[in-house]
């Protein structure tokens, strides 16, 4: 993500990557499935944000600090909370 200059990521955010789990038998059994995380242009992620696998953050959106994003975030919205919910359109 370092090459994307149009994203604003505050410190201490976490992109959930289940493919790092060492128990490969559980993965093969379907307990975890890796999925890509997409962050749109000009999106801002606050400090301490957790983004789960398979989630897309839309362009021009803001994710509030400490939020846990479990579902896709639309374009130009502010989301916050655990789980993250739309606060308002921006």
C-alpha atoms as a PDB file:
ATOM      1  CA  UNK A   1       0.000   0.000   0.000  1.00  0.00           C
ATOM      2  CA  UNK A   2       2.993   2.302   0.270  1.00  0.00           C
ATOM      3  CA  UNK A   3       2.833   3.174  -3.427  1.00  0.00           C
ATOM      4  CA  UNK A   4      -0.713   4.575  -3.130  1.00  0.00           C
ATOM      5  CA  UNK A   5      -0.281   8.257  -2.337  1.00  0.00           C
ATOM      6  CA  UNK A   6      -4.019   8.999  -2.465  1.00  0.00           C
ATOM      7  CA  UNK A   7      -4.912   6.973   0.668  1.00  0.00           C
ATOM      8  CA  UNK A   8      -4.679   8.376   4.193  1.00  0.00           C
ATOM      9  CA  UNK A   9      -3.858   5.698   6.741  1.00  0.00           C
ATOM     10  CA  UNK A  10      -3.335   6.746  10.334  1.00  0.00           C
ATOM     11  CA  UNK A  11      -1.003   4.770  12.569  1.00  0.00           C
ATOM     12  CA  UNK A  12      -1.831   1.395  14.097  1.00  0.00           C
ATOM     13  CA  UNK A  13      -4.414   0.121  11.600  1.00  0.00           C
ATOM     14  CA  UNK A  14      -4.798  -3.593  10.949  1.00  0.00           C
ATOM     15  CA  UNK A  15      -5.736  -5.396   7.754  1.00  0.00           C
ATOM     16  CA  UNK A  16      -6.851  -8.896   8.703  1.00  0.00           C
ATOM     17  CA  UNK A  17      -4.888 -11.469   6.714  1.00  0.00           C
ATOM     18  CA  UNK A  18      -5.951 -14.977   7.673  1.00  0.00           C
ATOM     19  CA  UNK A  19      -3.501 -16.515   5.232  1.00  0.00           C
ATOM     20  CA  UNK A  20      -0.829 -15.950   7.886  1.00  0.00           C
ATOM     21  CA  UNK A  21      -2.346 -18.578  10.201  1.00  0.00           C
ATOM     22  CA  UNK A  22      -0.030 -21.520  10.749  1.00  0.00           C
ATOM     23  CA  UNK A  23      -2.793 -24.163  11.078  1.00  0.00           C
ATOM     24  CA  UNK A  24      -3.160 -25.129   7.427  1.00  0.00           C
ATOM     25  CA  UNK A  25      -5.432 -28.081   8.191  1.00  0.00           C
ATOM     26  CA  UNK A  26      -8.084 -25.717   9.586  1.00  0.00           C
ATOM     27  CA  UNK A  27      -7.829 -23.574   6.456  1.00  0.00           C
ATOM     28  CA  UNK A  28      -8.244 -26.590   4.205  1.00  0.00           C
ATOM     29  CA  UNK A  29     -11.299 -27.590   6.249  1.00  0.00           C
ATOM     30  CA  UNK A  30     -12.869 -24.201   5.435  1.00  0.00           C
ATOM     31  CA  UNK A  31     -12.464 -22.489   8.816  1.00  0.00           C
ATOM     32  CA  UNK A  32     -10.727 -19.518   7.244  1.00  0.00           C
ATOM     33  CA  UNK A  33     -10.643 -18.185   3.736  1.00  0.00           C
ATOM     34  CA  UNK A  34      -8.273 -15.447   2.616  1.00  0.00           C
ATOM     35  CA  UNK A  35      -9.885 -12.675   0.611  1.00  0.00           C
ATOM     36  CA  UNK A  36      -8.535  -9.428  -0.837  1.00  0.00           C
ATOM     37  CA  UNK A  37      -9.053  -6.087   0.889  1.00  0.00           C
ATOM     38  CA  UNK A  38      -9.569  -3.093  -1.431  1.00  0.00           C
ATOM     39  CA  UNK A  39      -9.175   0.519  -0.334  1.00  0.00           C
ATOM     40  CA  UNK A  40     -10.493   3.148  -2.740  1.00  0.00           C
ATOM     41  CA  UNK A  41      -8.779   6.352  -3.810  1.00  0.00           C
ATOM     42  CA  UNK A  42      -8.742   9.185  -1.276  1.00  0.00           C
ATOM     43  CA  UNK A  43     -10.090   6.938   1.509  1.00  0.00           C
ATOM     44  CA  UNK A  44      -9.033   7.709   5.089  1.00  0.00           C
ATOM     45  CA  UNK A  45      -8.585   5.082   7.798  1.00  0.00           C
ATOM     46  CA  UNK A  46      -8.353   6.297  11.392  1.00  0.00           C
ATOM     47  CA  UNK A  47      -5.978   4.890  14.017  1.00  0.00           C
ATOM     48  CA  UNK A  48      -6.679   1.388  15.253  1.00  0.00           C
ATOM     49  CA  UNK A  49      -9.011   0.414  12.406  1.00  0.00           C
ATOM     50  CA  UNK A  50      -9.454  -3.308  11.725  1.00  0.00           C
ATOM     51  CA  UNK A  51     -10.567  -4.353   8.232  1.00  0.00           C
ATOM     52  CA  UNK A  52     -11.735  -7.942   7.781  1.00  0.00           C
ATOM     53  CA  UNK A  53     -10.956 -10.066   4.702  1.00  0.00           C
ATOM     54  CA  UNK A  54     -13.000  -9.457   1.574  1.00  0.00           C
ATOM     55  CA  UNK A  55     -14.016  -5.908   2.505  1.00  0.00           C
ATOM     56  CA  UNK A  56     -13.901  -2.984   0.066  1.00  0.00           C
ATOM     57  CA  UNK A  57     -13.608   0.600   1.296  1.00  0.00           C
ATOM     58  CA  UNK A  58     -15.114   2.919  -1.308  1.00  0.00           C
ATOM     59  CA  UNK A  59     -13.372   5.993  -2.694  1.00  0.00           C
ATOM     60  CA  UNK A  60     -13.531   9.247  -0.693  1.00  0.00           C
ATOM     61  CA  UNK A  61     -14.758   7.415   2.427  1.00  0.00           C
ATOM     62  CA  UNK A  62     -13.642   7.833   6.041  1.00  0.00           C
ATOM     63  CA  UNK A  63     -13.388   5.031   8.619  1.00  0.00           C
ATOM     64  CA  UNK A  64     -13.436   6.319  12.211  1.00  0.00           C
ATOM     65  CA  UNK A  65     -10.672   5.443  14.662  1.00  0.00           C
ATOM     66  CA  UNK A  66     -11.041   2.078  16.363  1.00  0.00           C
ATOM     67  CA  UNK A  67     -13.687   0.817  13.940  1.00  0.00           C
ATOM     68  CA  UNK A  68     -14.003  -2.839  12.938  1.00  0.00           C
ATOM     69  CA  UNK A  69     -15.072  -3.017   9.293  1.00  0.00           C
ATOM     70  CA  UNK A  70     -16.837  -6.308   8.543  1.00  0.00           C
ATOM     71  CA  UNK A  71     -18.804  -5.254   5.429  1.00  0.00           C
ATOM     72  CA  UNK A  72     -18.159  -3.181   2.329  1.00  0.00           C
ATOM     73  CA  UNK A  73     -18.159   0.593   2.764  1.00  0.00           C
ATOM     74  CA  UNK A  74     -19.781   2.644   0.003  1.00  0.00           C
ATOM     75  CA  UNK A  75     -18.435   5.693  -1.770  1.00  0.00           C
ATOM     76  CA  UNK A  76     -18.227   9.032   0.126  1.00  0.00           C
ATOM     77  CA  UNK A  77     -19.486   7.858   3.518  1.00  0.00           C
ATOM     78  CA  UNK A  78     -18.284   8.141   7.107  1.00  0.00           C
ATOM     79  CA  UNK A  79     -18.423   4.848   9.009  1.00  0.00           C
ATOM     80  CA  UNK A  80     -17.544   4.152  12.637  1.00  0.00           C
ATOM     81  CA  UNK A  81     -18.071   1.624  15.392  1.00  0.00           C
ATOM     82  CA  UNK A  82     -17.789  -2.084  16.080  1.00  0.00           C
ATOM     83  CA  UNK A  83     -19.060  -3.285  13.730  1.00  0.00           C
ATOM     84  CA  UNK A  84     -18.643  -0.209  11.558  1.00  0.00           C
ATOM     85  CA  UNK A  85     -21.917   1.393  10.457  1.00  0.00           C
ATOM     86  CA  UNK A  86     -22.652   4.361   8.251  1.00  0.00           C
ATOM     87  CA  UNK A  87     -22.773   7.584  10.268  1.00  0.00           C
ATOM     88  CA  UNK A  88     -23.496   9.907   7.335  1.00  0.00           C
ATOM     89  CA  UNK A  89     -22.820  10.616   3.671  1.00  0.00           C
ATOM     90  CA  UNK A  90     -19.997  13.053   2.939  1.00  0.00           C
END
